[in-house]
N, C-alpha and C. Protein backbone atom coordinates (compact mmCIF):
# COMPACT_ATOMS: atom_id res chain seq x y z
N MET A 1 -68.63 3.89 51.48
CA MET A 1 -67.38 4.42 51.14
C MET A 1 -67.68 3.67 49.08
N ALA A 2 -67.12 4.73 48.31
CA ALA A 2 -67.62 3.97 47.42
C ALA A 2 -65.77 3.16 46.50
N LEU A 3 -66.54 2.79 45.67
CA LEU A 3 -65.26 1.88 45.39
C LEU A 3 -65.06 1.97 44.07
N ARG A 4 -63.64 2.73 44.43
CA ARG A 4 -62.92 3.11 42.95
C ARG A 4 -62.99 2.19 41.88
N LYS A 5 -63.11 2.29 40.62
CA LYS A 5 -62.44 1.47 39.43
C LYS A 5 -61.40 1.78 39.26
N LYS A 6 -60.16 1.34 39.15
CA LYS A 6 -59.01 1.43 38.56
C LYS A 6 -58.61 1.01 37.36
N LYS A 7 -57.86 2.10 36.68
CA LYS A 7 -57.91 2.66 35.48
C LYS A 7 -56.52 1.04 34.68
N SER A 8 -57.08 0.65 34.11
CA SER A 8 -55.85 -0.17 33.40
C SER A 8 -54.86 0.34 32.81
N LEU A 9 -53.83 -0.73 32.93
CA LEU A 9 -52.59 -0.12 32.10
C LEU A 9 -52.75 0.62 30.34
N LEU A 10 -53.65 -0.03 29.62
CA LEU A 10 -54.04 0.21 28.84
C LEU A 10 -54.60 1.43 28.56
N ASP A 11 -55.38 1.95 29.45
CA ASP A 11 -56.29 3.08 29.73
C ASP A 11 -55.04 4.35 30.25
N GLN A 12 -54.46 4.12 30.39
CA GLN A 12 -53.47 4.66 31.43
C GLN A 12 -52.79 5.37 30.52
N ALA A 13 -52.45 4.11 29.88
CA ALA A 13 -51.22 4.58 28.65
C ALA A 13 -51.74 5.44 27.28
N ALA A 14 -53.28 5.27 27.05
CA ALA A 14 -54.07 5.78 26.18
C ALA A 14 -54.22 7.55 26.40
N ASP A 15 -54.40 7.82 28.16
CA ASP A 15 -54.68 9.19 28.49
C ASP A 15 -53.38 9.49 28.71
N TYR A 16 -52.08 8.44 28.94
CA TYR A 16 -50.81 9.86 28.14
C TYR A 16 -50.70 10.39 27.05
N ILE A 17 -50.93 9.15 25.93
CA ILE A 17 -50.98 9.76 24.78
C ILE A 17 -51.48 11.15 24.43
N ASP A 18 -52.77 10.85 24.80
CA ASP A 18 -53.25 11.56 24.54
C ASP A 18 -52.89 13.24 24.96
N GLN A 19 -52.75 13.10 25.91
CA GLN A 19 -51.94 14.41 26.90
C GLN A 19 -50.44 14.60 26.04
N VAL A 20 -50.13 13.88 25.33
CA VAL A 20 -48.81 14.50 24.48
C VAL A 20 -48.18 14.37 23.30
N ARG A 21 -49.72 14.08 22.81
CA ARG A 21 -49.57 14.43 21.39
C ARG A 21 -49.63 15.49 20.91
N PRO A 22 -50.65 16.63 21.20
CA PRO A 22 -50.28 17.96 21.09
C PRO A 22 -48.83 18.15 20.92
N GLN A 23 -48.13 18.15 22.15
CA GLN A 23 -46.66 18.64 22.29
C GLN A 23 -45.73 17.75 20.92
N VAL A 24 -45.98 16.36 21.08
CA VAL A 24 -45.07 15.68 19.68
C VAL A 24 -45.76 16.21 18.42
N GLU A 25 -46.53 16.45 18.45
CA GLU A 25 -46.87 17.31 16.67
C GLU A 25 -46.31 18.30 16.72
N SER A 26 -46.05 19.14 17.51
CA SER A 26 -45.88 20.49 17.55
C SER A 26 -44.35 20.45 17.33
N ALA A 27 -43.69 19.17 17.74
CA ALA A 27 -42.16 18.87 18.12
C ALA A 27 -41.76 19.02 16.43
N VAL A 28 -42.55 17.65 16.02
CA VAL A 28 -42.71 17.52 14.78
C VAL A 28 -42.36 18.24 13.82
N ALA A 29 -43.70 19.37 13.97
CA ALA A 29 -43.98 20.29 12.76
C ALA A 29 -42.45 21.64 13.35
N THR A 30 -42.37 22.03 14.01
CA THR A 30 -41.11 22.58 13.78
C THR A 30 -39.64 21.97 13.80
N ALA A 31 -39.67 20.66 13.70
CA ALA A 31 -38.66 20.07 13.10
C ALA A 31 -38.39 20.26 11.63
N LEU A 32 -39.56 19.63 11.21
CA LEU A 32 -40.46 20.11 9.73
C LEU A 32 -39.78 21.38 9.03
N ASP A 33 -40.37 22.43 9.63
CA ASP A 33 -40.37 23.93 9.15
C ASP A 33 -38.41 23.77 9.46
N ALA A 34 -37.77 24.06 10.30
CA ALA A 34 -36.58 24.07 10.34
C ALA A 34 -35.46 23.03 9.37
N ALA A 35 -36.10 21.96 8.73
CA ALA A 35 -35.59 21.31 8.23
C ALA A 35 -35.74 22.05 6.71
N GLU A 36 -37.02 22.01 6.15
CA GLU A 36 -37.30 22.81 5.35
C GLU A 36 -36.26 24.39 4.89
N GLU A 37 -36.42 25.24 6.08
CA GLU A 37 -35.44 26.27 6.04
C GLU A 37 -33.74 26.30 5.71
N PHE A 38 -33.38 24.77 6.55
CA PHE A 38 -32.71 24.66 6.34
C PHE A 38 -31.72 24.40 4.70
N TYR A 39 -32.83 23.70 4.15
CA TYR A 39 -32.80 23.41 2.81
C TYR A 39 -32.19 24.37 2.05
N GLU A 40 -33.56 25.54 1.76
CA GLU A 40 -34.06 26.17 1.12
C GLU A 40 -32.50 27.99 1.21
N LYS A 41 -32.58 27.80 2.37
CA LYS A 41 -31.38 28.72 2.39
C LYS A 41 -30.29 28.27 2.77
N THR A 42 -29.30 27.01 2.84
CA THR A 42 -28.35 26.85 2.73
C THR A 42 -28.11 25.86 1.75
N ALA A 43 -28.69 24.46 2.32
CA ALA A 43 -28.31 22.97 1.23
C ALA A 43 -28.47 23.53 -0.11
N ARG A 44 -29.47 23.73 -0.72
CA ARG A 44 -29.93 23.90 -1.68
C ARG A 44 -28.92 24.98 -2.47
N PRO A 45 -28.43 25.95 -2.27
CA PRO A 45 -27.82 27.32 -2.77
C PRO A 45 -26.16 26.53 -2.84
N ALA A 46 -25.53 25.85 -1.67
CA ALA A 46 -24.48 25.42 -2.35
C ALA A 46 -24.56 23.88 -3.18
N LEU A 47 -25.53 23.18 -3.21
CA LEU A 47 -25.64 22.07 -4.36
C LEU A 47 -25.87 22.84 -5.71
N VAL A 48 -26.54 24.06 -5.69
CA VAL A 48 -26.49 25.15 -7.10
C VAL A 48 -24.70 25.25 -6.86
N ASP A 49 -24.24 25.83 -6.31
CA ASP A 49 -23.33 26.07 -6.24
C ASP A 49 -22.06 25.01 -6.86
N ALA A 50 -21.84 23.79 -6.32
CA ALA A 50 -21.45 22.62 -6.24
C ALA A 50 -21.65 22.43 -8.30
N ARG A 51 -22.68 22.38 -8.02
CA ARG A 51 -23.19 21.62 -9.79
C ARG A 51 -22.52 22.65 -10.66
N ASP A 52 -22.47 24.11 -10.53
CA ASP A 52 -22.51 25.10 -11.28
C ASP A 52 -20.42 24.84 -11.81
N LYS A 53 -20.05 24.89 -10.49
CA LYS A 53 -18.87 24.45 -10.93
C LYS A 53 -17.89 23.28 -10.77
N ALA A 54 -18.99 21.96 -11.20
CA ALA A 54 -18.48 20.73 -11.16
C ALA A 54 -18.31 20.40 -13.09
N GLY A 55 -19.59 21.32 -13.44
CA GLY A 55 -19.78 21.20 -14.60
C GLY A 55 -18.61 21.60 -15.98
N PRO A 56 -18.04 22.49 -15.57
CA PRO A 56 -17.11 23.26 -16.92
C PRO A 56 -15.84 21.96 -16.72
N ALA A 57 -15.64 21.81 -15.65
CA ALA A 57 -14.81 20.72 -15.07
C ALA A 57 -14.82 19.36 -15.82
N LEU A 58 -16.29 18.86 -15.82
CA LEU A 58 -16.49 18.07 -16.20
C LEU A 58 -16.52 17.62 -17.68
N ALA A 59 -16.60 18.60 -18.71
CA ALA A 59 -17.35 18.86 -19.51
C ALA A 59 -16.11 18.72 -20.23
N ASP A 60 -14.78 20.03 -19.85
CA ASP A 60 -13.55 19.44 -20.16
C ASP A 60 -12.64 18.16 -19.91
N ALA A 61 -12.74 17.50 -18.99
CA ALA A 61 -12.31 16.22 -18.94
C ALA A 61 -13.24 15.31 -19.87
N ARG A 62 -14.23 15.35 -19.99
CA ARG A 62 -14.90 14.44 -21.16
C ARG A 62 -14.26 15.30 -22.88
N GLU A 63 -14.48 16.11 -23.20
CA GLU A 63 -13.59 16.74 -24.14
C GLU A 63 -11.97 16.33 -24.29
N LYS A 64 -11.25 16.31 -23.17
CA LYS A 64 -9.66 15.48 -23.04
C LYS A 64 -9.41 14.29 -23.54
N ALA A 65 -10.88 13.45 -22.98
CA ALA A 65 -10.68 12.02 -23.14
C ALA A 65 -11.26 11.34 -24.58
N ALA A 66 -12.00 12.16 -25.17
CA ALA A 66 -12.78 11.74 -26.04
C ALA A 66 -12.29 11.35 -26.95
N PRO A 67 -10.95 11.83 -27.87
CA PRO A 67 -10.17 10.91 -28.74
C PRO A 67 -9.46 9.22 -28.02
N TYR A 68 -9.51 9.23 -26.78
CA TYR A 68 -8.64 7.91 -26.40
C TYR A 68 -9.35 7.48 -26.27
N VAL A 69 -10.64 7.96 -25.68
CA VAL A 69 -12.07 6.66 -25.96
C VAL A 69 -12.40 5.71 -27.39
N ALA A 70 -12.33 7.29 -28.50
CA ALA A 70 -12.72 6.92 -29.89
C ALA A 70 -11.91 6.21 -30.28
N GLU A 71 -10.10 6.23 -30.25
CA GLU A 71 -9.14 5.58 -30.38
C GLU A 71 -9.24 3.69 -29.66
N ALA A 72 -9.56 3.78 -28.19
CA ALA A 72 -9.58 2.63 -27.70
C ALA A 72 -11.02 1.80 -28.23
N ARG A 73 -12.44 2.48 -28.26
CA ARG A 73 -13.09 1.53 -29.04
C ARG A 73 -12.80 1.06 -30.40
N GLU A 74 -12.24 1.56 -31.26
CA GLU A 74 -11.78 1.50 -32.63
C GLU A 74 -10.57 -0.03 -32.65
N ARG A 75 -9.71 0.26 -31.05
CA ARG A 75 -8.83 -1.45 -31.01
C ARG A 75 -9.87 -1.97 -30.72
N ALA A 76 -10.89 -1.74 -30.13
CA ALA A 76 -11.19 -3.03 -29.54
C ALA A 76 -12.17 -3.74 -30.29
N SER A 77 -12.84 -2.86 -31.33
CA SER A 77 -13.77 -3.44 -32.17
C SER A 77 -12.91 -4.27 -33.24
N GLU A 78 -11.55 -3.80 -33.39
CA GLU A 78 -10.72 -4.62 -33.97
C GLU A 78 -10.13 -5.92 -33.52
N VAL A 79 -9.95 -6.03 -32.20
CA VAL A 79 -9.64 -7.20 -31.43
C VAL A 79 -11.28 -8.13 -30.98
N ALA A 80 -11.85 -7.54 -30.86
CA ALA A 80 -13.00 -8.03 -30.76
C ALA A 80 -13.58 -8.78 -32.47
N SER A 81 -13.33 -7.94 -33.13
CA SER A 81 -13.39 -8.68 -34.93
C SER A 81 -12.49 -10.01 -34.95
N HIS A 82 -11.19 -9.51 -34.67
CA HIS A 82 -10.36 -11.02 -34.19
C HIS A 82 -10.69 -12.26 -33.50
N ALA A 83 -11.04 -11.75 -32.82
CA ALA A 83 -11.61 -12.81 -31.25
C ALA A 83 -12.80 -13.82 -32.25
N LYS A 84 -13.65 -13.24 -32.58
CA LYS A 84 -14.83 -13.33 -33.24
C LYS A 84 -14.63 -14.29 -34.41
N GLU A 85 -13.27 -14.13 -35.42
CA GLU A 85 -12.85 -14.91 -36.51
C GLU A 85 -12.15 -16.08 -35.90
N ALA A 86 -11.48 -15.82 -34.42
CA ALA A 86 -10.55 -17.23 -34.12
C ALA A 86 -11.76 -17.98 -33.59
N ALA A 87 -12.94 -17.54 -32.95
CA ALA A 87 -14.06 -18.37 -32.36
C ALA A 87 -14.91 -19.12 -33.46
N ASP A 88 -14.98 -18.69 -34.84
CA ASP A 88 -15.69 -19.16 -35.62
C ASP A 88 -14.79 -20.14 -36.02
N ALA A 89 -13.38 -19.92 -36.28
CA ALA A 89 -12.62 -21.03 -36.57
C ALA A 89 -12.62 -22.02 -35.69
N ARG A 90 -12.18 -21.78 -34.47
CA ARG A 90 -12.47 -23.08 -33.91
C ARG A 90 -13.86 -23.84 -33.54
N VAL A 91 -15.01 -23.65 -33.84
CA VAL A 91 -16.14 -23.88 -33.75
C VAL A 91 -16.10 -24.72 -34.89
N ALA A 92 -15.75 -24.17 -36.16
CA ALA A 92 -15.76 -24.44 -37.26
C ALA A 92 -14.60 -26.06 -36.99
N GLN A 93 -13.63 -26.19 -36.38
CA GLN A 93 -13.02 -27.09 -36.48
C GLN A 93 -13.33 -28.60 -35.89
N LEU A 94 -14.39 -28.04 -34.25
CA LEU A 94 -14.87 -28.97 -33.60
C LEU A 94 -15.90 -29.73 -34.41
N ARG A 95 -16.38 -28.95 -34.98
CA ARG A 95 -17.64 -29.73 -35.70
C ARG A 95 -16.96 -30.21 -36.90
N GLY A 96 -15.65 -30.31 -37.25
CA GLY A 96 -14.72 -30.98 -38.37
C GLY A 96 -14.62 -30.41 -39.53
N GLU A 97 -15.01 -29.27 -39.92
CA GLU A 97 -15.22 -28.27 -41.21
C GLU A 97 -13.88 -27.80 -41.25
N GLU A 98 -13.42 -27.87 -42.32
CA GLU A 98 -11.51 -27.13 -42.29
C GLU A 98 -12.05 -25.80 -43.19
N LYS A 99 -11.52 -24.95 -42.53
CA LYS A 99 -11.64 -23.21 -42.76
C LYS A 99 -10.10 -23.04 -43.21
N LYS A 100 -10.18 -22.29 -44.07
CA LYS A 100 -9.26 -21.44 -44.11
C LYS A 100 -8.35 -20.56 -43.07
N LYS A 101 -7.31 -20.91 -43.12
CA LYS A 101 -6.64 -19.96 -42.58
C LYS A 101 -6.32 -18.96 -43.07
N LYS A 102 -6.53 -17.38 -42.43
CA LYS A 102 -6.42 -16.25 -42.93
C LYS A 102 -5.16 -16.05 -42.63
N GLY A 103 -4.37 -16.28 -41.25
CA GLY A 103 -3.04 -15.54 -40.87
C GLY A 103 -2.06 -16.49 -40.05
N GLY A 104 -0.91 -15.67 -39.86
CA GLY A 104 -0.60 -16.81 -39.31
C GLY A 104 -0.18 -16.40 -38.20
N LYS A 105 0.88 -16.88 -37.28
CA LYS A 105 1.48 -16.13 -35.80
C LYS A 105 1.98 -14.74 -36.19
N LEU A 106 2.79 -14.45 -37.15
CA LEU A 106 3.19 -13.40 -37.16
C LEU A 106 2.48 -12.43 -37.07
N LYS A 107 1.30 -12.24 -37.70
CA LYS A 107 0.19 -11.65 -37.93
C LYS A 107 -0.43 -11.06 -36.54
N LYS A 108 -0.78 -12.20 -36.38
CA LYS A 108 -1.17 -12.40 -34.42
C LYS A 108 -0.52 -11.69 -33.51
N LEU A 109 1.02 -12.05 -33.40
CA LEU A 109 1.71 -11.58 -32.79
C LEU A 109 1.56 -9.82 -33.11
N ALA A 110 1.61 -9.50 -34.45
CA ALA A 110 1.66 -7.88 -34.04
C ALA A 110 0.62 -7.45 -34.21
N ILE A 111 -0.52 -7.81 -33.71
CA ILE A 111 -1.95 -7.56 -33.77
C ILE A 111 -2.20 -7.37 -32.13
N PHE A 112 -1.52 -8.55 -31.57
CA PHE A 112 -0.93 -8.51 -29.85
C PHE A 112 -0.51 -7.06 -29.45
N ALA A 113 0.92 -6.95 -30.57
CA ALA A 113 1.71 -5.70 -30.14
C ALA A 113 0.92 -4.79 -30.24
N ALA A 114 0.21 -4.40 -31.19
CA ALA A 114 -0.92 -3.07 -31.22
C ALA A 114 -1.57 -3.13 -30.32
N VAL A 115 -2.37 -4.21 -29.79
CA VAL A 115 -3.67 -3.87 -29.20
C VAL A 115 -2.37 -3.70 -26.97
N ALA A 116 -1.63 -3.77 -27.17
CA ALA A 116 -0.72 -3.91 -26.20
C ALA A 116 -0.04 -2.59 -26.29
N GLY A 117 0.57 -2.13 -27.06
CA GLY A 117 0.59 -0.15 -27.41
C GLY A 117 -0.40 0.71 -26.90
N ALA A 118 -1.55 0.52 -27.36
CA ALA A 118 -2.52 1.45 -27.43
C ALA A 118 -3.14 1.19 -26.15
N VAL A 119 -2.80 -0.08 -25.82
CA VAL A 119 -3.24 0.27 -24.33
C VAL A 119 -2.47 0.87 -22.82
N GLY A 120 -1.03 0.50 -23.88
CA GLY A 120 -0.41 1.55 -22.77
C GLY A 120 -0.24 2.52 -23.24
N PHE A 121 -0.08 3.17 -24.59
CA PHE A 121 -0.42 4.46 -24.63
C PHE A 121 -1.84 5.37 -24.05
N ILE A 122 -2.80 4.67 -24.11
CA ILE A 122 -3.85 5.04 -23.03
C ILE A 122 -4.06 5.37 -21.63
N ALA A 123 -3.14 4.25 -21.01
CA ALA A 123 -2.75 4.20 -19.87
C ALA A 123 -1.95 5.53 -19.38
N LYS A 124 -1.08 5.26 -20.22
CA LYS A 124 0.13 6.72 -19.84
C LYS A 124 -0.70 7.87 -20.23
N LYS A 125 -1.53 8.36 -21.17
CA LYS A 125 -2.20 9.59 -21.28
C LYS A 125 -3.15 9.73 -20.10
N LEU A 126 -4.04 8.87 -19.44
CA LEU A 126 -4.45 8.97 -18.30
C LEU A 126 -4.28 9.47 -17.02
N GLN A 127 -2.93 8.92 -16.86
CA GLN A 127 -2.54 9.16 -15.69
C GLN A 127 -1.49 9.57 -15.84
N GLY A 128 -1.73 10.51 -16.89
CA GLY A 128 -0.76 11.82 -17.09
C GLY A 128 0.65 12.01 -17.42
N GLY A 129 0.61 11.17 -18.43
CA GLY A 129 1.80 10.85 -18.79
C GLY A 129 2.82 11.71 -19.50
N GLY A 130 2.38 13.33 -19.87
CA GLY A 130 3.34 14.30 -19.89
C GLY A 130 3.89 14.81 -19.27
N GLN A 131 4.05 14.72 -18.23
CA GLN A 131 4.82 15.17 -17.11
C GLN A 131 6.03 14.63 -17.28
N ALA A 132 7.65 15.23 -16.10
CA ALA A 132 8.73 15.32 -16.16
C ALA A 132 9.18 13.74 -15.88
N ASP A 133 9.65 12.86 -16.13
CA ASP A 133 9.92 11.81 -15.10
C ASP A 133 10.80 12.48 -14.20
N ASN A 134 10.42 11.75 -12.98
CA ASN A 134 11.24 12.35 -11.61
C ASN A 134 11.56 11.27 -10.83
N TRP A 135 12.59 10.15 -11.46
CA TRP A 135 13.09 8.88 -11.56
C TRP A 135 14.68 9.49 -10.49
N GLN A 136 14.85 10.60 -10.62
CA GLN A 136 16.09 11.20 -10.00
C GLN A 136 16.20 11.43 -8.71
N SER A 137 16.41 11.01 -7.98
CA SER A 137 16.66 11.38 -6.58
C SER A 137 17.61 12.93 -6.27
N SER A 138 16.99 13.69 -5.05
CA SER A 138 18.13 14.61 -4.79
C SER A 138 19.00 14.32 -3.50
N TYR A 139 18.65 13.18 -3.17
CA TYR A 139 19.28 12.98 -1.92
C TYR A 139 21.13 12.32 -2.34
N VAL A 140 22.06 13.29 -1.84
CA VAL A 140 23.48 13.45 -1.45
C VAL A 140 23.84 12.58 -0.47
N PRO A 141 24.90 11.34 -0.31
CA PRO A 141 24.96 10.41 0.99
C PRO A 141 25.92 11.40 1.14
N THR A 142 25.96 11.70 3.02
CA THR A 142 26.96 12.33 3.45
C THR A 142 28.13 11.56 3.64
N PRO A 143 29.38 12.19 3.12
CA PRO A 143 30.40 11.77 3.10
C PRO A 143 31.26 10.56 4.10
N ALA A 144 31.93 9.56 4.00
CA ALA A 144 32.13 8.97 5.40
C ALA A 144 33.29 9.24 5.96
N PRO A 145 33.47 9.46 7.53
CA PRO A 145 33.99 10.07 8.16
C PRO A 145 35.89 9.72 7.90
N ALA A 146 36.48 10.41 8.39
CA ALA A 146 38.16 10.45 7.97
C ALA A 146 38.52 9.53 8.93
N ARG A 147 39.47 8.66 8.25
CA ARG A 147 39.86 7.53 8.90
C ARG A 147 40.93 8.27 9.96
N THR A 148 41.11 7.61 10.83
CA THR A 148 42.38 8.21 11.73
C THR A 148 43.38 6.83 11.97
N PRO A 149 44.45 7.47 11.94
CA PRO A 149 45.21 6.50 12.69
C PRO A 149 45.22 5.75 13.64
N PRO A 150 45.68 4.56 14.00
CA PRO A 150 45.15 3.85 15.20
C PRO A 150 47.19 4.57 16.12
N PRO A 151 46.19 4.33 17.42
CA PRO A 151 46.90 4.95 18.65
C PRO A 151 48.51 4.21 18.94
N THR A 152 49.46 5.11 18.76
CA THR A 152 50.63 4.29 19.01
C THR A 152 51.36 3.78 20.22
N ASP A 153 50.41 4.16 21.24
CA ASP A 153 50.50 4.00 22.53
C ASP A 153 49.06 3.57 23.69
N ASP A 154 49.34 2.14 23.37
CA ASP A 154 47.94 1.49 24.09
C ASP A 154 47.90 1.67 25.43
N ALA A 155 47.66 3.14 25.81
CA ALA A 155 47.82 3.29 27.33
C ALA A 155 46.87 2.27 28.04
N GLY A 156 45.21 2.34 27.42
CA GLY A 156 44.21 1.20 27.82
C GLY A 156 44.82 0.07 28.02
N ALA A 157 45.43 -0.35 27.25
CA ALA A 157 45.77 -2.04 27.21
C ALA A 157 44.39 -2.65 26.79
N ALA A 158 44.75 -3.70 26.28
CA ALA A 158 43.03 -4.62 25.04
C ALA A 158 43.02 -5.30 26.18
N GLY A 159 43.64 -5.92 27.30
CA GLY A 159 43.19 -7.06 28.65
C GLY A 159 44.05 -7.27 29.81
N PRO A 160 43.31 -7.69 30.21
CA PRO A 160 44.12 -8.00 31.81
C PRO A 160 46.00 -8.70 30.95
N ASP A 161 45.61 -9.30 30.36
CA ASP A 161 47.18 -9.94 29.88
C ASP A 161 48.03 -8.99 29.16
N GLU A 162 47.27 -7.92 28.26
CA GLU A 162 48.19 -7.07 27.55
C GLU A 162 48.58 -5.64 28.78
N ALA A 163 47.37 -5.83 29.74
CA ALA A 163 47.52 -4.88 30.98
C ALA A 163 49.28 -5.48 31.71
N LEU A 164 49.57 -6.55 31.96
CA LEU A 164 50.27 -7.60 32.75
C LEU A 164 51.54 -7.27 31.84
N SER A 165 51.15 -7.30 30.22
CA SER A 165 52.53 -7.70 29.69
C SER A 165 53.14 -6.03 29.53
N ASP A 166 52.70 -4.83 29.22
CA ASP A 166 52.61 -3.80 28.63
C ASP A 166 53.92 -3.27 30.40
N ALA A 167 52.95 -3.88 31.56
CA ALA A 167 54.21 -3.80 33.15
C ALA A 167 55.30 -3.60 32.97
N ALA A 168 55.73 -4.96 32.48
CA ALA A 168 57.36 -4.90 32.30
C ALA A 168 58.17 -4.43 31.89
N ASP A 169 58.75 -4.52 32.62
CA ASP A 169 60.35 -3.25 32.16
C ASP A 169 61.32 -3.63 31.03
N GLU A 170 60.82 -5.07 30.86
CA GLU A 170 61.71 -5.16 29.68
C GLU A 170 60.80 -6.49 28.44
N PRO A 171 60.83 -6.87 27.75
CA PRO A 171 60.15 -7.63 26.55
C PRO A 171 59.96 -8.71 27.42
N GLN A 172 58.55 -9.66 27.04
CA GLN A 172 59.14 -10.74 27.16
C GLN A 172 59.68 -12.08 26.28
N PRO A 173 60.01 -12.99 26.43
CA PRO A 173 60.56 -13.74 25.46
C PRO A 173 59.63 -14.26 24.01
N VAL A 174 59.33 -14.13 23.03
CA VAL A 174 58.85 -14.59 22.28
C VAL A 174 58.26 -16.36 22.21
N THR A 175 57.28 -16.33 21.81
CA THR A 175 57.02 -17.94 22.49
C THR A 175 56.00 -18.53 21.39
N THR A 176 56.59 -19.67 20.55
CA THR A 176 55.33 -20.70 19.62
C THR A 176 55.10 -21.58 19.75
N PRO A 177 54.23 -22.43 18.88
CA PRO A 177 53.67 -23.81 19.26
C PRO A 177 55.21 -24.45 19.71
N ASP A 178 55.73 -24.34 18.56
CA ASP A 178 57.18 -25.05 18.96
C ASP A 178 58.32 -24.90 19.87
N GLN A 179 57.76 -24.07 20.18
CA GLN A 179 59.06 -23.17 21.66
C GLN A 179 58.05 -22.04 22.49
N PRO A 180 57.20 -23.68 22.73
CA PRO A 180 56.66 -22.47 24.69
C PRO A 180 57.60 -22.16 25.64
N ALA A 181 56.76 -20.76 25.98
CA ALA A 181 57.86 -20.68 27.24
C ALA A 181 58.13 -21.70 28.50
N GLU A 182 57.23 -21.87 28.85
CA GLU A 182 57.44 -23.55 29.71
C GLU A 182 56.97 -24.89 29.59
N VAL A 183 57.37 -25.87 29.44
CA VAL A 183 57.01 -26.93 29.06
C VAL A 183 56.05 -28.14 30.54
N ILE A 184 55.45 -28.70 30.63
CA ILE A 184 54.64 -28.81 31.16
C ILE A 184 54.54 -30.29 30.62
N ASP A 185 54.54 -31.59 30.99
CA ASP A 185 54.28 -32.71 30.96
C ASP A 185 53.14 -33.22 31.73
N LEU A 186 52.24 -33.18 30.38
CA LEU A 186 50.26 -33.63 31.39
C LEU A 186 50.37 -34.53 32.08
N GLU A 187 51.24 -36.03 31.73
CA GLU A 187 51.46 -37.29 32.63
C GLU A 187 51.90 -36.91 34.04
N THR A 188 52.69 -36.58 34.00
CA THR A 188 53.32 -36.18 35.87
C THR A 188 52.46 -34.75 36.26
N ALA A 189 51.81 -34.02 35.46
CA ALA A 189 50.87 -33.07 36.21
C ALA A 189 50.15 -33.61 37.00
N VAL A 190 49.37 -34.48 36.19
CA VAL A 190 48.33 -35.13 36.77
C VAL A 190 48.50 -36.47 37.58
N GLU A 191 49.42 -36.80 37.89
CA GLU A 191 49.77 -37.60 38.88
C GLU A 191 49.93 -37.01 39.93
N ASP A 192 51.22 -35.87 39.65
CA ASP A 192 51.64 -35.09 40.89
C ASP A 192 50.19 -34.03 41.92
N ALA A 193 49.17 -33.63 40.96
CA ALA A 193 47.95 -33.35 41.25
C ALA A 193 47.33 -33.60 42.41
N PRO A 194 46.89 -32.91 43.85
CA PRO A 194 46.43 -33.21 44.69
C PRO A 194 44.77 -34.59 44.42
N LYS A 195 44.55 -34.91 45.44
CA LYS A 195 43.33 -35.92 44.73
C LYS A 195 42.45 -35.60 45.88
N LYS A 196 41.12 -35.33 45.34
CA LYS A 196 40.33 -35.18 45.98
C LYS A 196 39.33 -36.44 46.85
N SER A 197 39.09 -36.69 47.93
CA SER A 197 38.66 -37.54 48.75
C SER A 197 36.78 -37.14 48.28
């Protein structure tokens, strides 16, 4: 009897890879061909079409925004120059050098107001500020229901005491805290009460 040599796991795996390799290479080549065909026939024309459509819209947006951007740039350079002057003055003050003041608080306030106005103007234009204000609502509340007078005949009564009172043929005498219907002496009532044992 001849002894067979058992293959190691690595040898078996190498044999399996050699068997499967042509099939995997064929599948990869097919997938690459399909991807290239999809790109050429579908994706590339869609990208070209999208670029052609977006180009004019982008150019129009740039054209509309150009004056606002230029104005903002001009205002920003003014603010930057004022900020540089203020920084230079502060540095000179920290060094102990006296520098002549060029403007007062009123001038700074005017510059700040101008910059804030410009920023507000630009923000309004960029948000489409030319549209009509739609702050008014078309909501009209429903009118309140008409009030009905209270019923004169209280057939249902408000409670058991009211029902008993309504059941009597003649009216009950009027009672007040000063003139109660029945006077009860509490001390005698407590003494007369039966005692629990």
